[in-house]
Amino acid sequence: MENRYLPALCAVTAFALGCGTLPPAAAAESPVQREIITGSELMTTQERENYRQRLRGAGTPEERERLRAEHVKAMEERAQLRGLQLIDYSRLKTAP
């Protein structure tokens, strides 16, 4: 009987017993920070990726907020045309 989890278990064990630091490739990568995109359920995968790229390309926090506001307005219009209501994720509370 083959254990398909064995390679992963060996890698985790080796890391835990090793030097206690991340491998160079993993250490160089920064964590991916994702946000919930308002209206994402009304968007295609390509539209979501284009939106993320526009946000990453924004030079200032003010520009990112402007892009978000424009996006929310466009998604509200799209939802209204389809007879739907968007979820306002900013009002949802997150666990501490």
Protein backbone atom coordinates (compact mmCIF):
# COMPACT_ATOMS: atom_id res chain seq x y z
CA MET A 1 0.00 0.00 0.00
CA GLU A 2 1.51 3.30 -1.12
CA ASN A 3 1.28 6.35 1.11
CA ARG A 4 0.83 9.39 -1.12
CA TYR A 5 1.37 11.78 1.79
CA LEU A 6 4.80 10.40 2.67
CA PRO A 7 6.85 12.84 0.51
CA ALA A 8 5.07 15.83 2.05
CA LEU A 9 5.48 14.42 5.54
CA CYS A 10 9.18 13.88 4.93
CA ALA A 11 9.59 17.46 3.70
CA VAL A 12 7.80 18.90 6.75
CA THR A 13 9.80 16.70 9.12
CA ALA A 14 13.07 17.65 7.44
CA PHE A 15 12.18 21.32 7.76
CA ALA A 16 11.17 20.95 11.41
CA LEU A 17 14.42 19.15 12.24
CA GLY A 18 16.54 21.42 10.08
CA CYS A 19 17.74 24.90 10.68
CA GLY A 20 14.27 26.28 11.38
CA THR A 21 14.29 28.77 8.55
CA LEU A 22 12.52 28.76 5.24
CA PRO A 23 14.37 27.60 2.14
CA PRO A 24 15.86 30.53 0.17
CA ALA A 25 13.19 30.38 -2.56
CA ALA A 26 10.34 30.46 -0.04
CA ALA A 27 11.98 33.17 2.06
CA ALA A 28 12.34 35.45 -0.95
CA GLU A 29 8.64 35.28 -1.79
CA SER A 30 6.35 37.67 0.02
CA PRO A 31 2.98 36.39 1.15
CA VAL A 32 0.17 36.96 -1.31
CA GLN A 33 -2.29 39.44 0.06
CA ARG A 34 -5.77 38.98 -1.34
CA GLU A 35 -8.93 40.86 -0.63
CA ILE A 36 -12.51 39.92 -1.28
CA ILE A 37 -13.48 41.56 -4.55
CA THR A 38 -16.91 43.15 -4.43
CA GLY A 39 -19.05 41.59 -7.14
CA SER A 40 -16.55 38.84 -7.89
CA GLU A 41 -19.45 36.43 -8.34
CA LEU A 42 -20.52 38.56 -11.33
CA MET A 43 -17.06 38.63 -12.90
CA THR A 44 -15.12 36.25 -15.09
CA THR A 45 -11.74 34.95 -13.99
CA GLN A 46 -10.08 37.27 -16.50
CA GLU A 47 -12.00 40.29 -15.19
CA ARG A 48 -10.91 39.51 -11.62
CA GLU A 49 -7.28 39.19 -12.69
CA ASN A 50 -7.44 42.46 -14.66
CA TYR A 51 -8.91 44.20 -11.61
CA ARG A 52 -6.12 42.84 -9.40
CA GLN A 53 -3.49 44.02 -11.90
CA ARG A 54 -4.99 47.52 -11.99
CA LEU A 55 -4.89 47.67 -8.18
CA ARG A 56 -1.27 46.48 -8.11
CA GLY A 57 -0.39 49.12 -10.69
CA ALA A 58 -1.94 51.94 -8.69
CA GLY A 59 0.76 54.29 -7.47
CA THR A 60 -0.88 55.57 -4.30
CA PRO A 61 -3.41 54.36 -1.73
CA GLU A 62 -5.73 57.13 -2.94
CA GLU A 63 -5.57 55.80 -6.48
CA ARG A 64 -6.35 52.27 -5.23
CA GLU A 65 -9.38 53.61 -3.35
CA ARG A 66 -10.56 55.44 -6.47
CA LEU A 67 -10.23 52.24 -8.51
CA ARG A 68 -12.14 50.28 -5.85
CA ALA A 69 -14.93 52.87 -5.78
CA GLU A 70 -15.23 52.80 -9.58
CA HIS A 71 -15.29 49.02 -9.50
CA VAL A 72 -17.99 48.86 -6.82
CA LYS A 73 -20.15 51.29 -8.80
CA ALA A 74 -19.73 49.19 -11.98
CA MET A 75 -20.57 45.98 -10.10
CA GLU A 76 -23.64 47.56 -8.51
CA GLU A 77 -24.86 48.56 -11.98
CA ARG A 78 -24.16 45.05 -13.31
CA ALA A 79 -26.02 43.48 -10.39
CA GLN A 80 -28.98 45.82 -10.84
CA LEU A 81 -29.23 44.89 -14.53
CA ARG A 82 -29.40 41.23 -13.50
CA GLY A 83 -31.89 41.85 -10.70
CA LEU A 84 -29.36 40.94 -8.01
CA GLN A 85 -28.01 42.60 -4.89
CA LEU A 86 -24.31 42.72 -4.05
CA ILE A 87 -22.97 41.57 -0.71
CA ASP A 88 -21.29 44.45 1.11
CA TYR A 89 -18.22 42.67 2.46
CA SER A 90 -17.02 45.80 4.24
CA ARG A 91 -19.92 45.46 6.68
CA LEU A 92 -19.16 41.86 7.58
CA LYS A 93 -17.30 41.48 10.83
CA THR A 94 -14.22 39.31 10.95
CA ALA A 95 -13.22 37.18 13.90
CA PRO A 96 -10.54 38.75 16.12
